[in-house]
């Protein structure tokens, strides 16, 4: 049961980071923290119910690794173009 409490705490920290941070890197790290909290709860529920949640957690980790590669590539491209990773400045990319 302590796995689930830790997962809720990690997810809450991730949500706080997404809502309060202004740089794209920190927002990205907060999203990764929320994904890891979801993995921890998946494995915690699997252990509590006697199921095999580790395979699903490995799939989520693989998807998160691909997301890291694409996300960091986008952040580096935006930084090279704008020389800033402030989330407030990124709203100008629409036009």
PDB file of N, CA and C in Angstrom:
ATOM      1  N   UNK A   1       0.807  -1.192   0.000  1.00  0.00           N
ATOM      2  CA  UNK A   1       0.000   0.000   0.000  1.00  0.00           C
ATOM      3  C   UNK A   1       0.854   1.262   0.000  1.00  0.00           C
ATOM      4  N   UNK A   2       2.058   1.187   0.549  1.00  0.00           N
ATOM      5  CA  UNK A   2       2.914   2.378   0.585  1.00  0.00           C
ATOM      6  C   UNK A   2       3.352   2.779  -0.825  1.00  0.00           C
ATOM      7  N   UNK A   3       3.362   1.820  -1.776  1.00  0.00           N
ATOM      8  CA  UNK A   3       3.690   2.155  -3.163  1.00  0.00           C
ATOM      9  C   UNK A   3       2.671   3.141  -3.729  1.00  0.00           C
ATOM     10  N   UNK A   4       1.429   2.921  -3.385  1.00  0.00           N
ATOM     11  CA  UNK A   4       0.385   3.788  -3.917  1.00  0.00           C
ATOM     12  C   UNK A   4       0.436   5.186  -3.303  1.00  0.00           C
ATOM     13  N   UNK A   5       0.775   5.274  -2.030  1.00  0.00           N
ATOM     14  CA  UNK A   5       0.935   6.585  -1.413  1.00  0.00           C
ATOM     15  C   UNK A   5       2.095   7.345  -2.049  1.00  0.00           C
ATOM     16  N   UNK A   6       3.192   6.648  -2.287  1.00  0.00           N
ATOM     17  CA  UNK A   6       4.341   7.279  -2.950  1.00  0.00           C
ATOM     18  C   UNK A   6       3.983   7.702  -4.361  1.00  0.00           C
ATOM     19  N   UNK A   7       3.188   6.899  -5.043  1.00  0.00           N
ATOM     20  CA  UNK A   7       2.768   7.234  -6.397  1.00  0.00           C
ATOM     21  C   UNK A   7       1.895   8.483  -6.414  1.00  0.00           C
ATOM     22  N   UNK A   8       0.982   8.591  -5.485  1.00  0.00           N
ATOM     23  CA  UNK A   8       0.121   9.778  -5.399  1.00  0.00           C
ATOM     24  C   UNK A   8       0.965  11.017  -5.098  1.00  0.00           C
ATOM     25  N   UNK A   9       1.933  10.887  -4.214  1.00  0.00           N
ATOM     26  CA  UNK A   9       2.797  12.012  -3.881  1.00  0.00           C
ATOM     27  C   UNK A   9       3.616  12.448  -5.096  1.00  0.00           C
ATOM     28  N   UNK A  10       4.201  11.496  -5.824  1.00  0.00           N
ATOM     29  CA  UNK A  10       4.971  11.823  -7.018  1.00  0.00           C
ATOM     30  C   UNK A  10       4.102  12.468  -8.091  1.00  0.00           C
ATOM     31  N   UNK A  11       2.892  11.954  -8.270  1.00  0.00           N
ATOM     32  CA  UNK A  11       1.998  12.525  -9.271  1.00  0.00           C
ATOM     33  C   UNK A  11       1.595  13.949  -8.890  1.00  0.00           C
ATOM     34  N   UNK A  12       1.324  14.176  -7.614  1.00  0.00           N
ATOM     35  CA  UNK A  12       0.966  15.521  -7.161  1.00  0.00           C
ATOM     36  C   UNK A  12       2.130  16.493  -7.354  1.00  0.00           C
ATOM     37  N   UNK A  13       3.351  16.044  -7.095  1.00  0.00           N
ATOM     38  CA  UNK A  13       4.514  16.890  -7.338  1.00  0.00           C
ATOM     39  C   UNK A  13       4.667  17.208  -8.817  1.00  0.00           C
ATOM     40  N   UNK A  14       4.383  16.241  -9.664  1.00  0.00           N
ATOM     41  CA  UNK A  14       4.447  16.468 -11.102  1.00  0.00           C
ATOM     42  C   UNK A  14       3.412  17.469 -11.572  1.00  0.00           C
ATOM     43  N   UNK A  15       2.195  17.355 -11.065  1.00  0.00           N
ATOM     44  CA  UNK A  15       1.139  18.309 -11.430  1.00  0.00           C
ATOM     45  C   UNK A  15       1.508  19.708 -10.945  1.00  0.00           C
ATOM     46  N   UNK A  16       2.039  19.799  -9.744  1.00  0.00           N
ATOM     47  CA  UNK A  16       2.478  21.099  -9.220  1.00  0.00           C
ATOM     48  C   UNK A  16       3.559  21.693 -10.114  1.00  0.00           C
ATOM     49  N   UNK A  17       4.497  20.863 -10.546  1.00  0.00           N
ATOM     50  CA  UNK A  17       5.565  21.343 -11.420  1.00  0.00           C
ATOM     51  C   UNK A  17       5.052  21.823 -12.759  1.00  0.00           C
ATOM     52  N   UNK A  18       4.092  21.117 -13.332  1.00  0.00           N
ATOM     53  CA  UNK A  18       3.529  21.537 -14.624  1.00  0.00           C
ATOM     54  C   UNK A  18       2.797  22.862 -14.484  1.00  0.00           C
ATOM     55  N   UNK A  19       2.078  23.034 -13.387  1.00  0.00           N
ATOM     56  CA  UNK A  19       1.269  24.239 -13.218  1.00  0.00           C
ATOM     57  C   UNK A  19       2.077  25.459 -12.810  1.00  0.00           C
ATOM     58  N   UNK A  20       3.231  25.292 -12.195  1.00  0.00           N
ATOM     59  CA  UNK A  20       3.960  26.442 -11.664  1.00  0.00           C
ATOM     60  C   UNK A  20       5.225  26.789 -12.430  1.00  0.00           C
ATOM     61  N   UNK A  21       5.807  25.885 -13.166  1.00  0.00           N
ATOM     62  CA  UNK A  21       7.080  26.155 -13.837  1.00  0.00           C
ATOM     63  C   UNK A  21       6.863  26.910 -15.134  1.00  0.00           C
ATOM     64  N   UNK A  22       7.859  27.705 -15.514  1.00  0.00           N
ATOM     65  CA  UNK A  22       7.752  28.526 -16.715  1.00  0.00           C
ATOM     66  C   UNK A  22       8.698  28.084 -17.832  1.00  0.00           C
ATOM     67  N   UNK A  23       9.655  27.236 -17.557  1.00  0.00           N
ATOM     68  CA  UNK A  23      10.560  26.791 -18.617  1.00  0.00           C
ATOM     69  C   UNK A  23      10.126  25.428 -19.126  1.00  0.00           C
ATOM     70  N   UNK A  24      10.340  25.208 -20.401  1.00  0.00           N
ATOM     71  CA  UNK A  24       9.888  23.971 -21.035  1.00  0.00           C
ATOM     72  C   UNK A  24      10.600  22.750 -20.467  1.00  0.00           C
ATOM     73  N   UNK A  25      11.848  22.883 -20.105  1.00  0.00           N
ATOM     74  CA  UNK A  25      12.603  21.748 -19.556  1.00  0.00           C
ATOM     75  C   UNK A  25      11.985  21.281 -18.240  1.00  0.00           C
ATOM     76  N   UNK A  26      11.661  22.215 -17.358  1.00  0.00           N
ATOM     77  CA  UNK A  26      11.090  21.830 -16.061  1.00  0.00           C
ATOM     78  C   UNK A  26       9.679  21.281 -16.207  1.00  0.00           C
ATOM     79  N   UNK A  27       8.915  21.823 -17.146  1.00  0.00           N
ATOM     80  CA  UNK A  27       7.581  21.269 -17.411  1.00  0.00           C
ATOM     81  C   UNK A  27       7.719  19.847 -17.939  1.00  0.00           C
ATOM     82  N   UNK A  28       8.682  19.649 -18.821  1.00  0.00           N
ATOM     83  CA  UNK A  28       8.939  18.323 -19.385  1.00  0.00           C
ATOM     84  C   UNK A  28       9.351  17.330 -18.300  1.00  0.00           C
ATOM     85  N   UNK A  29      10.210  17.750 -17.393  1.00  0.00           N
ATOM     86  CA  UNK A  29      10.617  16.879 -16.285  1.00  0.00           C
ATOM     87  C   UNK A  29       9.440  16.565 -15.366  1.00  0.00           C
ATOM     88  N   UNK A  30       8.552  17.521 -15.177  1.00  0.00           N
ATOM     89  CA  UNK A  30       7.370  17.275 -14.346  1.00  0.00           C
ATOM     90  C   UNK A  30       6.440  16.257 -14.993  1.00  0.00           C
ATOM     91  N   UNK A  31       6.315  16.308 -16.310  1.00  0.00           N
ATOM     92  CA  UNK A  31       5.504  15.317 -17.017  1.00  0.00           C
ATOM     93  C   UNK A  31       6.125  13.935 -16.888  1.00  0.00           C
ATOM     94  N   UNK A  32       7.441  13.865 -16.970  1.00  0.00           N
ATOM     95  CA  UNK A  32       8.123  12.581 -16.779  1.00  0.00           C
ATOM     96  C   UNK A  32       7.901  12.050 -15.360  1.00  0.00           C
ATOM     97  N   UNK A  33       7.874  12.945 -14.388  1.00  0.00           N
ATOM     98  CA  UNK A  33       7.615  12.531 -13.007  1.00  0.00           C
ATOM     99  C   UNK A  33       6.217  11.939 -12.871  1.00  0.00           C
ATOM    100  N   UNK A  34       5.252  12.522 -13.567  1.00  0.00           N
ATOM    101  CA  UNK A  34       3.889  11.989 -13.538  1.00  0.00           C
ATOM    102  C   UNK A  34       3.823  10.624 -14.224  1.00  0.00           C
ATOM    103  N   UNK A  35       4.561  10.436 -15.313  1.00  0.00           N
ATOM    104  CA  UNK A  35       4.599   9.120 -15.968  1.00  0.00           C
ATOM    105  C   UNK A  35       5.217   8.062 -15.050  1.00  0.00           C
ATOM    106  N   UNK A  36       6.266   8.438 -14.340  1.00  0.00           N
ATOM    107  CA  UNK A  36       6.880   7.488 -13.408  1.00  0.00           C
ATOM    108  C   UNK A  36       5.947   7.171 -12.242  1.00  0.00           C
ATOM    109  N   UNK A  37       5.149   8.129 -11.819  1.00  0.00           N
ATOM    110  CA  UNK A  37       4.160   7.868 -10.764  1.00  0.00           C
ATOM    111  C   UNK A  37       3.112   6.882 -11.262  1.00  0.00           C
ATOM    112  N   UNK A  38       2.710   7.021 -12.520  1.00  0.00           N
ATOM    113  CA  UNK A  38       1.746   6.073 -13.082  1.00  0.00           C
ATOM    114  C   UNK A  38       2.349   4.674 -13.158  1.00  0.00           C
ATOM    115  N   UNK A  39       3.622   4.575 -13.517  1.00  0.00           N
ATOM    116  CA  UNK A  39       4.298   3.272 -13.529  1.00  0.00           C
ATOM    117  C   UNK A  39       4.339   2.654 -12.140  1.00  0.00           C
ATOM    118  N   UNK A  40       4.661   3.458 -11.155  1.00  0.00           N
ATOM    119  CA  UNK A  40       4.743   2.951  -9.788  1.00  0.00           C
ATOM    120  C   UNK A  40       3.387   2.461  -9.301  1.00  0.00           C
ATOM    121  N   UNK A  41       2.329   3.189  -9.630  1.00  0.00           N
ATOM    122  CA  UNK A  41       1.001   2.729  -9.202  1.00  0.00           C
ATOM    123  C   UNK A  41       0.589   1.469  -9.946  1.00  0.00           C
ATOM    124  N   UNK A  42       0.973   1.354 -11.210  1.00  0.00           N
ATOM    125  CA  UNK A  42       0.667   0.146 -11.969  1.00  0.00           C
ATOM    126  C   UNK A  42       1.334  -1.080 -11.351  1.00  0.00           C
ATOM    127  N   UNK A  43       2.589  -0.958 -11.010  1.00  0.00           N
ATOM    128  CA  UNK A  43       3.299  -2.072 -10.388  1.00  0.00           C
ATOM    129  C   UNK A  43       2.774  -2.317  -8.971  1.00  0.00           C
ATOM    130  N   UNK A  44       2.409  -1.250  -8.247  1.00  0.00           N
ATOM    131  CA  UNK A  44       1.852  -1.407  -6.901  1.00  0.00           C
ATOM    132  C   UNK A  44       0.526  -2.143  -6.916  1.00  0.00           C
ATOM    133  N   UNK A  45      -0.356  -1.783  -7.868  1.00  0.00           N
ATOM    134  CA  UNK A  45      -1.626  -2.500  -7.981  1.00  0.00           C
ATOM    135  C   UNK A  45      -1.404  -3.946  -8.398  1.00  0.00           C
ATOM    136  N   UNK A  46      -0.453  -4.170  -9.278  1.00  0.00           N
ATOM    137  CA  UNK A  46      -0.169  -5.539  -9.714  1.00  0.00           C
ATOM    138  C   UNK A  46       0.315  -6.391  -8.544  1.00  0.00           C
ATOM    139  N   UNK A  47       1.154  -5.802  -7.720  1.00  0.00           N
ATOM    140  CA  UNK A  47       1.650  -6.556  -6.567  1.00  0.00           C
ATOM    141  C   UNK A  47       0.529  -6.826  -5.565  1.00  0.00           C
ATOM    142  N   UNK A  48      -0.333  -5.842  -5.361  1.00  0.00           N
ATOM    143  CA  UNK A  48      -1.419  -6.011  -4.396  1.00  0.00           C
ATOM    144  C   UNK A  48      -2.444  -7.038  -4.867  1.00  0.00           C
ATOM    145  N   UNK A  49      -2.674  -7.102  -6.169  1.00  0.00           N
ATOM    146  CA  UNK A  49      -3.683  -8.018  -6.704  1.00  0.00           C
ATOM    147  C   UNK A  49      -3.099  -9.334  -7.210  1.00  0.00           C
ATOM    148  N   UNK A  50      -1.790  -9.463  -7.161  1.00  0.00           N
ATOM    149  CA  UNK A  50      -1.163 -10.694  -7.610  1.00  0.00           C
ATOM    150  C   UNK A  50      -1.115 -10.827  -9.128  1.00  0.00           C
ATOM    151  N   UNK A  51      -1.132  -9.724  -9.839  1.00  0.00           N
ATOM    152  CA  UNK A  51      -1.096  -9.738 -11.305  1.00  0.00           C
ATOM    153  C   UNK A  51       0.306  -9.430 -11.814  1.00  0.00           C
ATOM    154  N   UNK A  52       0.456  -9.488 -13.120  1.00  0.00           N
ATOM    155  CA  UNK A  52       1.738  -9.174 -13.746  1.00  0.00           C
ATOM    156  C   UNK A  52       1.667  -7.779 -14.358  1.00  0.00           C
ATOM    157  N   UNK A  53       1.932  -6.771 -13.586  1.00  0.00           N
ATOM    158  CA  UNK A  53       1.910  -5.404 -14.084  1.00  0.00           C
ATOM    159  C   UNK A  53       3.256  -4.927 -14.570  1.00  0.00           C
ATOM    160  N   UNK A  54       4.287  -5.744 -14.365  1.00  0.00           N
ATOM    161  CA  UNK A  54       5.623  -5.337 -14.760  1.00  0.00           C
ATOM    162  C   UNK A  54       5.761  -5.228 -16.276  1.00  0.00           C
ATOM    163  N   UNK A  55       5.069  -6.078 -17.014  1.00  0.00           N
ATOM    164  CA  UNK A  55       5.145  -6.031 -18.473  1.00  0.00           C
ATOM    165  C   UNK A  55       4.528  -4.732 -18.972  1.00  0.00           C
ATOM    166  N   UNK A  56       3.406  -4.357 -18.422  1.00  0.00           N
ATOM    167  CA  UNK A  56       2.771  -3.095 -18.810  1.00  0.00           C
ATOM    168  C   UNK A  56       3.640  -1.908 -18.410  1.00  0.00           C
ATOM    169  N   UNK A  57       4.289  -1.988 -17.263  1.00  0.00           N
ATOM    170  CA  UNK A  57       5.172  -0.906 -16.836  1.00  0.00           C
ATOM    171  C   UNK A  57       6.362  -0.781 -17.775  1.00  0.00           C
ATOM    172  N   UNK A  58       6.883  -1.894 -18.243  1.00  0.00           N
ATOM    173  CA  UNK A  58       7.985  -1.837 -19.208  1.00  0.00           C
ATOM    174  C   UNK A  58       7.540  -1.201 -20.524  1.00  0.00           C
ATOM    175  N   UNK A  59       6.312  -1.464 -20.935  1.00  0.00           N
ATOM    176  CA  UNK A  59       5.791  -0.829 -22.144  1.00  0.00           C
ATOM    177  C   UNK A  59       5.665   0.680 -21.948  1.00  0.00           C
ATOM    178  N   UNK A  60       5.198   1.103 -20.789  1.00  0.00           N
ATOM    179  CA  UNK A  60       5.073   2.536 -20.513  1.00  0.00           C
ATOM    180  C   UNK A  60       6.451   3.183 -20.461  1.00  0.00           C
ATOM    181  N   UNK A  61       7.438   2.502 -19.905  1.00  0.00           N
ATOM    182  CA  UNK A  61       8.793   3.032 -19.861  1.00  0.00           C
ATOM    183  C   UNK A  61       9.355   3.175 -21.270  1.00  0.00           C
ATOM    184  N   UNK A  62       9.082   2.214 -22.148  1.00  0.00           N
ATOM    185  CA  UNK A  62       9.550   2.302 -23.532  1.00  0.00           C
ATOM    186  C   UNK A  62       8.900   3.475 -24.250  1.00  0.00           C
ATOM    187  N   UNK A  63       7.610   3.676 -24.037  1.00  0.00           N
ATOM    188  CA  UNK A  63       6.919   4.808 -24.651  1.00  0.00           C
ATOM    189  C   UNK A  63       7.454   6.121 -24.080  1.00  0.00           C
ATOM    190  N   UNK A  64       7.734   6.152 -22.789  1.00  0.00           N
ATOM    191  CA  UNK A  64       8.282   7.365 -22.170  1.00  0.00           C
ATOM    192  C   UNK A  64       9.667   7.681 -22.714  1.00  0.00           C
ATOM    193  N   UNK A  65      10.463   6.655 -23.003  1.00  0.00           N
ATOM    194  CA  UNK A  65      11.788   6.891 -23.572  1.00  0.00           C
ATOM    195  C   UNK A  65      11.677   7.513 -24.967  1.00  0.00           C
ATOM    196  N   UNK A  66      10.724   7.036 -25.757  1.00  0.00           N
ATOM    197  CA  UNK A  66      10.502   7.635 -27.075  1.00  0.00           C
ATOM    198  C   UNK A  66      10.007   9.072 -26.932  1.00  0.00           C
ATOM    199  N   UNK A  67       9.162   9.308 -25.958  1.00  0.00           N
ATOM    200  CA  UNK A  67       8.651  10.658 -25.725  1.00  0.00           C
ATOM    201  C   UNK A  67       9.773  11.595 -25.296  1.00  0.00           C
ATOM    202  N   UNK A  68      10.709  11.106 -24.516  1.00  0.00           N
ATOM    203  CA  UNK A  68      11.855  11.922 -24.099  1.00  0.00           C
ATOM    204  C   UNK A  68      12.676  12.318 -25.311  1.00  0.00           C
ATOM    205  N   UNK A  69      12.925  11.388 -26.197  1.00  0.00           N
ATOM    206  CA  UNK A  69      13.735  11.687 -27.382  1.00  0.00           C
ATOM    207  C   UNK A  69      13.058  12.746 -28.256  1.00  0.00           C
ATOM    208  N   UNK A  70      11.778  12.584 -28.501  1.00  0.00           N
ATOM    209  CA  UNK A  70      11.051  13.550 -29.343  1.00  0.00           C
ATOM    210  C   UNK A  70      10.916  14.890 -28.619  1.00  0.00           C
ATOM    211  N   UNK A  71      10.559  14.861 -27.360  1.00  0.00           N
ATOM    212  CA  UNK A  71      10.364  16.098 -26.601  1.00  0.00           C
ATOM    213  C   UNK A  71      11.630  16.915 -26.469  1.00  0.00           C
ATOM    214  N   UNK A  72      12.735  16.265 -26.132  1.00  0.00           N
ATOM    215  CA  UNK A  72      13.990  17.002 -26.021  1.00  0.00           C
ATOM    216  C   UNK A  72      14.444  17.535 -27.370  1.00  0.00           C
ATOM    217  N   UNK A  73      14.184  16.779 -28.441  1.00  0.00           N
ATOM    218  CA  UNK A  73      14.504  17.273 -29.781  1.00  0.00           C
ATOM    219  C   UNK A  73      13.721  18.534 -30.110  1.00  0.00           C
ATOM    220  N   UNK A  74      12.445  18.548 -29.767  1.00  0.00           N
ATOM    221  CA  UNK A  74      11.629  19.743 -29.996  1.00  0.00           C
ATOM    222  C   UNK A  74      12.093  20.926 -29.153  1.00  0.00           C
ATOM    223  N   UNK A  75      12.430  20.659 -27.909  1.00  0.00           N
ATOM    224  CA  UNK A  75      12.880  21.738 -27.026  1.00  0.00           C
ATOM    225  C   UNK A  75      14.197  22.322 -27.523  1.00  0.00           C
ATOM    226  N   UNK A  76      15.118  21.477 -27.977  1.00  0.00           N
ATOM    227  CA  UNK A  76      16.396  21.970 -28.510  1.00  0.00           C
ATOM    228  C   UNK A  76      16.171  22.774 -29.787  1.00  0.00           C
ATOM    229  N   UNK A  77      15.267  22.309 -30.655  1.00  0.00           N
ATOM    230  CA  UNK A  77      14.974  23.051 -31.889  1.00  0.00           C
ATOM    231  C   UNK A  77      14.360  24.410 -31.587  1.00  0.00           C
ATOM    232  N   UNK A  78      13.458  24.462 -30.625  1.00  0.00           N
ATOM    233  CA  UNK A  78      12.845  25.740 -30.247  1.00  0.00           C
ATOM    234  C   UNK A  78      13.884  26.657 -29.625  1.00  0.00           C
ATOM    235  N   UNK A  79      14.763  26.100 -28.798  1.00  0.00           N
ATOM    236  CA  UNK A  79      15.806  26.927 -28.175  1.00  0.00           C
ATOM    237  C   UNK A  79      16.746  27.495 -29.226  1.00  0.00           C
ATOM    238  N   UNK A  80      17.105  26.699 -30.214  1.00  0.00           N
ATOM    239  CA  UNK A  80      17.992  27.205 -31.272  1.00  0.00           C
ATOM    240  C   UNK A  80      17.326  28.311 -32.079  1.00  0.00           C
ATOM    241  N   UNK A  81      16.030  28.205 -32.281  1.00  0.00           N
ATOM    242  CA  UNK A  81      15.313  29.212 -33.064  1.00  0.00           C
ATOM    243  C   UNK A  81      15.004  30.463 -32.244  1.00  0.00           C
ATOM    244  N   UNK A  82      14.551  30.295 -31.020  1.00  0.00           N
ATOM    245  CA  UNK A  82      14.097  31.411 -30.183  1.00  0.00           C
ATOM    246  C   UNK A  82      15.111  31.865 -29.137  1.00  0.00           C
ATOM    247  N   UNK A  83      16.072  31.017 -28.802  1.00  0.00           N
ATOM    248  CA  UNK A  83      17.052  31.247 -27.729  1.00  0.00           C
ATOM    249  C   UNK A  83      16.376  31.449 -26.378  1.00  0.00           C
ATOM    250  N   UNK A  84      15.251  30.775 -26.191  1.00  0.00           N
ATOM    251  CA  UNK A  84      14.528  30.811 -24.925  1.00  0.00           C
ATOM    252  C   UNK A  84      13.655  29.565 -24.839  1.00  0.00           C
ATOM    253  N   UNK A  85      13.522  29.039 -23.635  1.00  0.00           N
ATOM    254  CA  UNK A  85      12.620  27.903 -23.435  1.00  0.00           C
ATOM    255  C   UNK A  85      11.452  28.284 -22.533  1.00  0.00           C
ATOM    256  N   UNK A  86      11.186  29.574 -22.404  1.00  0.00           N
ATOM    257  CA  UNK A  86      10.068  30.031 -21.579  1.00  0.00           C
ATOM    258  C   UNK A  86       8.755  29.607 -22.233  1.00  0.00           C
ATOM    259  N   UNK A  87       7.881  28.994 -21.446  1.00  0.00           N
ATOM    260  CA  UNK A  87       6.619  28.490 -21.966  1.00  0.00           C
ATOM    261  C   UNK A  87       5.718  29.646 -22.413  1.00  0.00           C
ATOM    262  N   UNK A  88       5.812  30.782 -21.753  1.00  0.00           N
ATOM    263  CA  UNK A  88       4.991  31.933 -22.129  1.00  0.00           C
ATOM    264  C   UNK A  88       5.319  32.435 -23.536  1.00  0.00           C
ATOM    265  N   UNK A  89       6.582  32.323 -23.947  1.00  0.00           N
ATOM    266  CA  UNK A  89       6.988  32.771 -25.283  1.00  0.00           C
ATOM    267  C   UNK A  89       6.567  31.805 -26.378  1.00  0.00           C
ATOM    268  N   UNK A  90       6.245  30.567 -26.040  1.00  0.00           N
ATOM    269  CA  UNK A  90       5.927  29.577 -27.041  1.00  0.00           C
ATOM    270  C   UNK A  90       4.537  29.750 -27.624  1.00  0.00           C
ATOM    271  N   UNK A  91       3.699  30.561 -27.016  1.00  0.00           N
ATOM    272  CA  UNK A  91       2.369  30.780 -27.571  1.00  0.00           C
ATOM    273  C   UNK A  91       2.431  31.571 -28.874  1.00  0.00           C
ATOM    274  N   UNK A  92       3.552  32.217 -29.160  1.00  0.00           N
ATOM    275  CA  UNK A  92       3.734  32.975 -30.392  1.00  0.00           C
ATOM    276  C   UNK A  92       4.006  32.065 -31.590  1.00  0.00           C
ATOM    277  N   UNK A  93       4.206  30.776 -31.372  1.00  0.00           N
ATOM    278  CA  UNK A  93       4.523  29.851 -32.464  1.00  0.00           C
ATOM    279  C   UNK A  93       3.289  29.505 -33.294  1.00  0.00           C
ATOM    280  N   UNK A  94       2.112  29.869 -32.847  1.00  0.00           N
ATOM    281  CA  UNK A  94       0.882  29.521 -33.570  1.00  0.00           C
ATOM    282  C   UNK A  94       0.790  30.197 -34.921  1.00  0.00           C
ATOM    283  N   UNK A  95       1.183  31.441 -35.019  1.00  0.00           N
ATOM    284  CA  UNK A  95       1.013  32.224 -36.236  1.00  0.00           C
ATOM    285  C   UNK A  95       2.093  32.002 -37.156  1.00  0.00           C
TER     286      UNK A  95
END
